[in-house]
Amino acid sequence: MPRNALYAQSGGVTPVINASAWGVISAARRHPAQIGTIYVAKDGILGALTESLTDIREIAESQLAALRHTPGGAFGSCRHKLKHGSELKRLFELFAAYDIGYFFYNGGGDSADTCLKVAEYAQYQGIDLTAIHVPKTIDNDLPHTDTSPGFGSVAKYIATTTRECGLDLASMSSSSTKVFILEVMGRHTGWLAAASGLASRTPAEPPHLILLPEVPFDPSRFLRAVRDTVQQHGYCVVVAAEGIRDTGGTRLAETGNADAFGHAQLGGVAPMLANLVKAELGHKCHWAVADYMQRAARHLASANDLEQAIAVGEAAVDFAIAGQRSVMPAIVREADQPYRWHIEAVSLKEVANKEKAMPESYLRDDGMHLSVMGKAYFAPLILGETPPPFDHGLPDYPVWHFPLVERKLPPYEVL
């Protein structure tokens, strides 16, 4: 008899995470002999714990189709570290009540940890459950995959923004602002900041300097580089990862707070750098933080990224139907030009609680510019345009309507 499936989204969203949802749902519907009802949980694992579920049969086909071109997390997301004990017990009570035989959890490294916990608990208890992690993260730090769905589109947005802001800055630099600093996400790794290097076709074009967590920040060295760039080109564009560290390993912008997973909360490295430039060099300096804009910019999504986001969702179902458990669909690069890739299953034990560092070879010796090898890696990930439908000049994104099922279990409060 077919078993039912549960899908949920987790962590910071991306321009294409909903496309992965569509990939999972559409693939699952092609296997009615193995997969019966498909449920989605509202707000990730929290929705599973509180029994906030939607039966996809109650979702209009137009809304399901819109998943392919809409940013954000359509079904809601969360940052919640699943606890052993009462939370796992409650989760499996829900699985039993709804005859869930397949669990698809769409997220980054912390979500892989949650999925692994579920898989190991099921194995320990002798429960028939297939748990598959569907990868996504704009940080691109999931190991054993060439790239993480979501990264290519955000890299495209950051490189585009760098080039466009550079043109704006250059036009006013003779009499006004001479330095612009763009702060992008990247707590531990500098994949996103490094991708801005695609905007530069010649040494004169921005970004002139890239600051990464992997390369210790030396104020004196940074100021010399800014001064020399302004003298040579008349202006300087800097792209800085939020997690850059000083030579002692301390992040410049730690707030002292932490999220549910214990990650340091960051913010404000761009204004810190701008104040340093103004105080020491006297240049007028503007700054911006890409923040939600970078991960919500579906209008500038990469076609390759969208294709991969759908493909990992479909592959997750294919792996589950084939009997593979506790795995993640990983993208394997075959060639750079033309870009060729395929998907393989990777054990969750090799993914959860691990990070993929950016190779030193992707940077030039000065650590502030992208190397030829780095450009070869990043270039295909941003290729192709796949804009959403437009209406009256604006992206035609839906107003979601997902009715919740009638609850079967007693209420549960997540502490």
Protein backbone atom coordinates (compact mmCIF):
# COMPACT_ATOMS: atom_id res chain seq x y z
CA MET A 1 0.00 0.00 0.00
CA PRO A 2 1.26 3.56 -0.70
CA ARG A 3 2.55 5.60 2.24
CA ASN A 4 2.02 9.32 2.65
CA ALA A 5 4.72 12.01 2.37
CA LEU A 6 5.53 15.16 4.32
CA TYR A 7 7.52 18.07 2.87
CA ALA A 8 8.78 21.12 4.78
CA GLN A 9 11.10 24.10 4.24
CA SER A 10 13.71 25.28 6.71
CA GLY A 11 16.27 28.01 7.31
CA GLY A 12 16.88 31.16 5.32
CA VAL A 13 14.95 31.01 2.05
CA THR A 14 16.25 31.51 -1.49
CA PRO A 15 14.96 32.74 -4.85
CA VAL A 16 14.37 29.12 -5.92
CA ILE A 17 13.53 27.05 -2.81
CA ASN A 18 9.89 26.95 -3.91
CA ALA A 19 11.03 25.41 -7.19
CA SER A 20 12.48 22.54 -5.16
CA ALA A 21 9.09 22.20 -3.44
CA TRP A 22 7.49 21.96 -6.85
CA GLY A 23 10.07 19.35 -7.86
CA VAL A 24 9.26 17.20 -4.82
CA ILE A 25 5.49 17.54 -5.21
CA SER A 26 5.38 16.97 -8.96
CA ALA A 27 7.69 13.94 -8.74
CA ALA A 28 5.73 12.45 -5.83
CA ARG A 29 2.50 12.75 -7.78
CA ARG A 30 4.04 10.62 -10.52
CA HIS A 31 4.31 7.68 -8.11
CA PRO A 32 0.78 7.05 -6.82
CA ALA A 33 1.54 3.38 -6.24
CA GLN A 34 4.25 4.28 -3.70
CA ILE A 35 3.22 7.73 -2.41
CA GLY A 36 -0.35 8.48 -1.38
CA THR A 37 -1.27 11.84 0.11
CA ILE A 38 1.37 14.58 0.09
CA TYR A 39 1.32 16.96 3.05
CA VAL A 40 3.31 20.14 3.54
CA ALA A 41 4.10 21.55 6.98
CA LYS A 42 3.65 25.25 7.74
CA ASP A 43 6.82 26.92 9.01
CA GLY A 44 9.12 23.93 8.66
CA ILE A 45 9.58 21.46 11.47
CA LEU A 46 7.53 23.73 13.73
CA GLY A 47 4.46 23.06 11.59
CA ALA A 48 5.06 19.34 11.88
CA LEU A 49 5.30 19.58 15.66
CA THR A 50 2.16 21.72 15.97
CA GLU A 51 0.27 19.72 13.31
CA SER A 52 -0.11 22.69 10.98
CA LEU A 53 -0.36 20.73 7.74
CA THR A 54 -1.82 21.25 4.29
CA ASP A 55 -2.98 18.45 2.00
CA ILE A 56 -1.72 19.43 -1.46
CA ARG A 57 -4.96 18.15 -2.97
CA GLU A 58 -6.52 21.27 -1.41
CA ILE A 59 -4.07 23.61 -3.17
CA ALA A 60 -5.11 25.11 -6.49
CA GLU A 61 -3.06 23.97 -9.48
CA SER A 62 -2.29 27.60 -10.32
CA GLN A 63 -0.70 28.02 -6.89
CA LEU A 64 1.37 24.88 -7.28
CA ALA A 65 2.55 26.05 -10.72
CA ALA A 66 3.53 29.43 -9.23
CA LEU A 67 6.04 27.71 -6.95
CA ARG A 68 8.45 27.59 -9.89
CA HIS A 69 8.74 31.37 -10.20
CA THR A 70 8.08 32.77 -6.71
CA PRO A 71 10.78 33.63 -4.12
CA GLY A 72 10.57 33.24 -0.37
CA GLY A 73 9.31 30.16 1.41
CA ALA A 74 5.77 29.58 0.19
CA PHE A 75 4.95 27.22 3.04
CA GLY A 76 6.85 29.14 5.70
CA SER A 77 10.25 28.36 7.15
CA CYS A 78 11.91 28.37 10.57
CA ARG A 79 15.15 28.20 12.50
CA HIS A 80 14.54 25.56 15.12
CA LYS A 81 16.97 22.99 16.51
CA LEU A 82 14.96 19.79 16.87
CA LYS A 83 15.32 18.45 20.40
CA HIS A 84 15.73 14.84 21.39
CA GLY A 85 13.06 13.54 23.73
CA SER A 86 9.61 15.11 23.66
CA GLU A 87 9.97 16.81 20.25
CA LEU A 88 11.13 13.69 18.41
CA LYS A 89 8.44 11.67 20.18
CA ARG A 90 5.79 14.18 19.12
CA LEU A 91 7.07 14.24 15.54
CA PHE A 92 6.76 10.48 15.22
CA GLU A 93 3.29 10.58 16.76
CA LEU A 94 2.37 12.85 13.88
CA PHE A 95 4.01 10.52 11.38
CA ALA A 96 1.96 7.63 12.78
CA ALA A 97 -1.29 9.61 12.77
CA TYR A 98 -0.88 10.55 9.11
CA ASP A 99 0.86 7.36 7.96
CA ILE A 100 3.93 9.32 6.87
CA GLY A 101 6.43 7.00 5.22
CA TYR A 102 8.46 9.70 3.44
CA PHE A 103 9.90 12.87 4.99
CA PHE A 104 11.49 15.48 2.70
CA TYR A 105 13.22 18.35 4.52
CA ASN A 106 14.40 21.23 2.33
CA GLY A 107 17.16 23.36 3.81
CA GLY A 108 20.84 23.94 4.52
CA GLY A 109 23.35 22.41 6.91
CA ASP A 110 21.25 22.78 10.05
CA SER A 111 18.29 21.25 8.22
CA ALA A 112 20.49 18.33 7.23
CA ASP A 113 21.16 17.84 10.94
CA THR A 114 17.40 17.79 11.65
CA CYS A 115 16.79 15.31 8.85
CA LEU A 116 19.59 13.07 10.12
CA LYS A 117 18.13 13.10 13.63
CA VAL A 118 14.76 12.00 12.24
CA ALA A 119 16.35 9.25 10.16
CA GLU A 120 18.44 7.90 13.04
CA TYR A 121 15.52 7.96 15.47
CA ALA A 122 13.41 6.00 13.00
CA GLN A 123 16.17 3.43 12.57
CA TYR A 124 16.72 3.15 16.32
CA GLN A 125 13.02 2.65 16.97
CA GLY A 126 12.56 0.27 14.04
CA ILE A 127 10.09 2.62 12.34
CA ASP A 128 9.61 2.41 8.58
CA LEU A 129 10.42 5.98 7.49
CA THR A 130 12.47 7.33 4.62
CA ALA A 131 14.03 10.72 5.41
CA ILE A 132 15.65 12.67 2.56
CA HIS A 133 17.33 16.06 2.81
CA VAL A 134 16.65 18.41 -0.13
CA PRO A 135 19.60 20.84 -0.35
CA LYS A 136 19.43 24.61 -0.49
CA THR A 137 21.53 27.45 0.86
CA ILE A 138 22.67 30.72 -0.62
CA ASP A 139 25.89 30.33 1.40
CA ASN A 140 27.02 27.47 -0.88
CA ASP A 141 28.70 25.74 2.06
CA LEU A 142 27.03 22.32 1.90
CA PRO A 143 29.74 19.68 1.37
CA HIS A 144 29.85 17.05 -1.37
CA THR A 145 27.80 19.08 -3.85
CA ASP A 146 29.20 21.27 -6.61
CA THR A 147 26.81 24.02 -5.63
CA SER A 148 23.74 24.49 -3.46
CA PRO A 149 20.43 25.49 -5.10
CA GLY A 150 19.82 29.15 -4.38
CA PHE A 151 23.47 30.14 -4.52
CA GLY A 152 23.69 30.65 -8.30
CA SER A 153 20.78 33.11 -8.34
CA VAL A 154 22.10 35.12 -5.40
CA ALA A 155 25.59 35.15 -6.93
CA LYS A 156 24.03 36.53 -10.12
CA TYR A 157 22.26 39.25 -8.12
CA ILE A 158 25.40 40.25 -6.22
CA ALA A 159 27.60 40.36 -9.33
CA THR A 160 24.95 42.39 -11.16
CA THR A 161 24.54 44.79 -8.24
CA THR A 162 28.30 45.21 -8.00
CA ARG A 163 28.58 46.11 -11.67
CA GLU A 164 25.61 48.49 -11.61
CA CYS A 165 26.62 50.25 -8.40
CA GLY A 166 30.14 50.58 -9.81
CA LEU A 167 28.82 52.48 -12.80
CA ASP A 168 26.82 54.76 -10.52
CA LEU A 169 29.83 55.42 -8.29
CA ALA A 170 32.17 56.07 -11.21
CA SER A 171 29.84 58.71 -12.65
CA MET A 172 30.02 60.85 -9.48
CA SER A 173 33.47 60.01 -8.15
CA SER A 174 35.29 63.07 -9.46
CA SER A 175 33.33 65.42 -7.20
CA SER A 176 31.50 63.24 -4.68
CA THR A 177 31.54 59.70 -3.29
CA LYS A 178 34.71 57.75 -4.00
CA VAL A 179 34.15 54.51 -2.08
CA PHE A 180 31.16 52.15 -2.02
CA ILE A 181 30.96 49.10 0.25
CA LEU A 182 28.45 46.30 -0.31
CA GLU A 183 27.92 43.90 2.60
CA VAL A 184 26.69 40.43 1.64
CA MET A 185 25.85 37.32 3.61
CA GLY A 186 28.51 34.80 4.57
CA ARG A 187 29.09 33.99 8.23
CA HIS A 188 31.86 31.41 7.91
CA THR A 189 32.64 31.29 4.20
CA GLY A 190 33.00 33.88 1.48
CA TRP A 191 31.37 32.16 -1.48
CA LEU A 192 28.86 34.97 -2.08
CA ALA A 193 31.35 37.80 -1.69
CA ALA A 194 33.78 36.01 -3.99
CA ALA A 195 31.09 35.58 -6.65
CA SER A 196 30.97 39.38 -7.00
CA GLY A 197 34.31 39.00 -8.78
CA LEU A 198 32.42 37.86 -11.86
CA ALA A 199 31.45 41.49 -12.42
CA SER A 200 35.05 42.44 -13.15
CA ARG A 201 36.19 41.94 -16.74
CA THR A 202 39.28 44.16 -16.40
CA PRO A 203 41.33 45.31 -13.37
CA ALA A 204 39.67 48.73 -13.65
CA GLU A 205 36.17 47.32 -13.15
CA PRO A 206 34.62 46.61 -9.75
CA PRO A 207 34.76 44.93 -7.40
CA HIS A 208 38.18 46.37 -6.72
CA LEU A 209 38.46 44.62 -3.35
CA ILE A 210 36.75 41.52 -1.94
CA LEU A 211 36.84 40.80 1.80
CA LEU A 212 36.22 37.23 2.95
CA PRO A 213 36.07 35.41 6.31
CA GLU A 214 38.80 33.07 5.08
CA VAL A 215 41.31 35.93 4.74
CA PRO A 216 42.16 37.77 8.01
CA PHE A 217 41.23 41.44 7.84
CA ASP A 218 44.18 43.78 8.33
CA PRO A 219 43.00 47.43 8.60
CA SER A 220 46.29 48.91 7.44
CA ARG A 221 46.46 46.63 4.41
CA PHE A 222 42.81 47.36 3.56
CA LEU A 223 43.28 51.13 3.78
CA ARG A 224 46.38 51.02 1.58
CA ALA A 225 44.45 49.03 -1.02
CA VAL A 226 41.54 51.49 -0.97
CA ARG A 227 43.90 54.48 -1.23
CA ASP A 228 45.84 52.95 -4.14
CA THR A 229 42.63 51.99 -5.98
CA VAL A 230 41.18 55.49 -5.69
CA GLN A 231 44.44 57.00 -6.90
CA GLN A 232 44.57 54.66 -9.88
CA HIS A 233 40.91 54.47 -10.92
CA GLY A 234 39.27 57.43 -9.20
CA TYR A 235 36.93 55.30 -7.11
CA CYS A 236 36.80 51.99 -5.23
CA VAL A 237 34.05 49.36 -4.86
CA VAL A 238 34.43 46.90 -1.98
CA VAL A 239 32.34 43.76 -1.44
CA ALA A 240 32.59 42.40 2.10
CA ALA A 241 31.20 39.23 3.63
CA GLU A 242 29.38 39.85 6.91
CA GLY A 243 31.64 37.36 8.71
CA ILE A 244 35.07 38.87 8.02
CA ARG A 245 37.48 38.36 10.94
CA ASP A 246 40.44 40.23 12.30
CA THR A 247 43.89 38.66 12.52
CA GLY A 248 42.95 37.19 15.92
CA GLY A 249 39.95 35.35 14.47
CA THR A 250 37.25 37.61 15.96
CA ARG A 251 34.43 38.65 13.65
CA LEU A 252 34.29 42.39 13.18
CA ALA A 253 30.49 42.56 13.38
CA GLU A 254 29.45 40.12 16.10
CA THR A 255 26.48 41.49 18.05
CA GLY A 256 26.84 39.16 21.03
CA ASN A 257 23.56 37.40 20.21
CA ALA A 258 23.06 33.94 18.71
CA ASP A 259 20.31 32.12 16.79
CA ALA A 260 18.58 28.84 17.73
CA PHE A 261 21.56 26.83 16.48
CA GLY A 262 24.13 28.86 18.41
CA HIS A 263 25.40 30.77 15.37
CA ALA A 264 26.66 34.25 16.19
CA GLN A 265 24.31 36.98 15.00
CA LEU A 266 26.11 39.39 12.71
CA GLY A 267 25.44 42.75 11.14
CA GLY A 268 27.00 46.10 10.42
CA VAL A 269 30.39 45.34 8.90
CA ALA A 270 29.78 47.75 5.98
CA PRO A 271 29.23 50.87 8.12
CA MET A 272 32.23 49.89 10.24
CA LEU A 273 34.42 49.77 7.15
CA ALA A 274 32.91 52.99 5.81
CA ASN A 275 33.67 54.82 9.05
CA LEU A 276 37.23 53.50 8.93
CA VAL A 277 37.72 54.75 5.37
CA LYS A 278 36.29 58.18 6.17
CA ALA A 279 38.29 58.57 9.38
CA GLU A 280 41.64 57.45 7.96
CA LEU A 281 41.46 58.47 4.30
CA GLY A 282 38.88 61.25 4.36
CA HIS A 283 36.93 59.87 1.40
CA LYS A 284 33.19 60.20 1.20
CA CYS A 285 31.91 56.64 1.44
CA HIS A 286 28.51 55.03 0.87
CA TRP A 287 27.52 51.54 1.93
CA ALA A 288 24.64 49.11 1.55
CA VAL A 289 23.62 45.74 2.99
CA ALA A 290 22.15 43.29 0.48
CA ASP A 291 20.38 41.32 3.25
CA TYR A 292 16.95 39.97 2.22
CA MET A 293 17.20 41.62 -1.19
CA GLN A 294 19.89 39.19 -2.33
CA ARG A 295 17.94 36.05 -1.43
CA ALA A 296 14.55 37.36 -2.61
CA ALA A 297 15.56 38.59 -6.07
CA ARG A 298 13.69 36.00 -8.14
CA HIS A 299 13.45 38.45 -11.06
CA LEU A 300 17.19 37.94 -11.63
CA ALA A 301 17.37 34.20 -10.99
CA SER A 302 19.87 32.01 -12.82
CA ALA A 303 18.29 29.52 -15.22
CA ASN A 304 20.92 26.93 -14.28
CA ASP A 305 20.11 27.46 -10.60
CA LEU A 306 16.38 27.05 -11.20
CA GLU A 307 16.95 23.86 -13.16
CA GLN A 308 19.06 22.42 -10.35
CA ALA A 309 16.57 23.45 -7.67
CA ILE A 310 13.83 21.49 -9.42
CA ALA A 311 16.16 18.59 -10.16
CA VAL A 312 17.20 18.02 -6.52
CA GLY A 313 13.53 17.98 -5.50
CA GLU A 314 12.73 15.38 -8.13
CA ALA A 315 15.83 13.35 -7.31
CA ALA A 316 14.88 13.29 -3.61
CA VAL A 317 11.66 11.48 -4.53
CA ASP A 318 13.42 9.16 -6.96
CA PHE A 319 15.94 8.19 -4.29
CA ALA A 320 13.15 7.56 -1.78
CA ILE A 321 11.20 5.38 -4.20
CA ALA A 322 14.39 3.44 -4.95
CA GLY A 323 14.75 2.64 -1.25
CA GLN A 324 17.60 5.01 -0.38
CA ARG A 325 17.35 6.55 3.09
CA SER A 326 19.11 9.29 5.00
CA VAL A 327 20.69 10.81 1.89
CA MET A 328 20.91 14.16 0.11
CA PRO A 329 20.81 14.68 -3.67
CA ALA A 330 24.20 16.22 -4.51
CA ILE A 331 25.12 18.03 -7.72
CA VAL A 332 28.26 16.65 -9.37
CA ARG A 333 30.05 18.82 -11.93
CA GLU A 334 31.22 17.05 -15.08
CA ALA A 335 32.57 20.02 -17.04
CA ASP A 336 32.84 23.84 -16.86
CA GLN A 337 32.25 24.76 -20.52
CA PRO A 338 29.66 23.81 -21.45
CA TYR A 339 28.47 23.26 -17.90
CA ARG A 340 27.47 19.63 -17.40
CA TRP A 341 26.33 18.01 -14.18
CA HIS A 342 24.41 15.11 -12.73
CA ILE A 343 22.95 14.18 -9.35
CA GLU A 344 24.16 11.52 -6.95
CA ALA A 345 23.02 10.48 -3.47
CA VAL A 346 25.30 11.44 -0.57
CA SER A 347 24.92 10.09 2.97
CA LEU A 348 23.52 12.66 5.40
CA LYS A 349 26.26 11.72 7.86
CA GLU A 350 28.70 13.26 5.37
CA VAL A 351 26.68 16.51 5.19
CA ALA A 352 25.13 17.31 8.57
CA ASN A 353 27.13 19.69 10.77
CA LYS A 354 29.85 20.09 8.14
CA GLU A 355 30.82 23.06 5.97
CA LYS A 356 32.49 23.36 2.58
CA ALA A 357 35.25 25.93 2.63
CA MET A 358 36.12 27.93 -0.45
CA PRO A 359 39.44 26.75 -1.94
CA GLU A 360 42.36 29.16 -1.66
CA SER A 361 42.97 28.60 -5.36
CA TYR A 362 39.78 30.53 -6.16
CA LEU A 363 41.53 33.73 -5.01
CA ARG A 364 44.61 35.51 -6.28
CA ASP A 365 47.65 35.68 -4.02
CA ASP A 366 46.52 38.97 -2.44
CA GLY A 367 43.33 37.29 -1.17
CA MET A 368 41.16 40.20 -2.36
CA HIS A 369 40.47 39.26 -5.99
CA LEU A 370 38.96 36.28 -7.79
CA SER A 371 41.43 34.04 -9.63
CA VAL A 372 41.01 32.53 -13.09
CA MET A 373 40.17 29.19 -11.47
CA GLY A 374 37.61 30.91 -9.25
CA LYS A 375 35.90 32.54 -12.21
CA ALA A 376 35.79 29.18 -14.00
CA TYR A 377 33.94 27.70 -11.03
CA PHE A 378 31.44 30.54 -10.52
CA ALA A 379 30.74 31.50 -14.16
CA PRO A 380 28.32 28.70 -15.18
CA LEU A 381 26.29 28.92 -11.97
CA ILE A 382 24.83 32.31 -12.91
CA LEU A 383 24.05 31.53 -16.55
CA GLY A 384 20.62 31.88 -18.10
CA GLU A 385 17.66 34.14 -17.46
CA THR A 386 14.29 32.91 -16.25
CA PRO A 387 12.21 35.91 -15.20
CA PRO A 388 8.85 35.46 -13.48
CA PRO A 389 5.65 36.57 -15.22
CA PHE A 390 5.02 40.31 -14.98
CA ASP A 391 1.76 42.19 -14.55
CA HIS A 392 1.44 45.96 -14.81
CA GLY A 393 5.21 46.29 -14.67
CA LEU A 394 5.75 44.19 -11.54
CA PRO A 395 6.49 40.50 -10.94
CA ASP A 396 3.18 38.67 -10.70
CA TYR A 397 3.71 36.78 -7.46
CA PRO A 398 0.75 34.96 -5.89
CA VAL A 399 -1.02 35.55 -2.62
CA TRP A 400 -0.67 32.09 -1.11
CA HIS A 401 -3.70 30.25 0.23
CA PHE A 402 -2.97 26.92 1.90
CA PRO A 403 -5.86 25.60 4.04
CA LEU A 404 -4.81 23.53 7.04
CA VAL A 405 -6.11 20.04 7.71
CA GLU A 406 -8.30 19.28 10.70
CA ARG A 407 -6.05 18.18 13.56
CA LYS A 408 -5.96 14.58 14.79
CA LEU A 409 -3.58 15.00 17.74
CA PRO A 410 -3.76 16.91 21.04
CA PRO A 411 -2.32 20.45 20.93
CA TYR A 412 1.43 20.73 21.35
CA GLU A 413 3.41 23.78 22.45
CA VAL A 414 6.96 24.18 21.16
CA LEU A 415 9.16 25.57 23.93
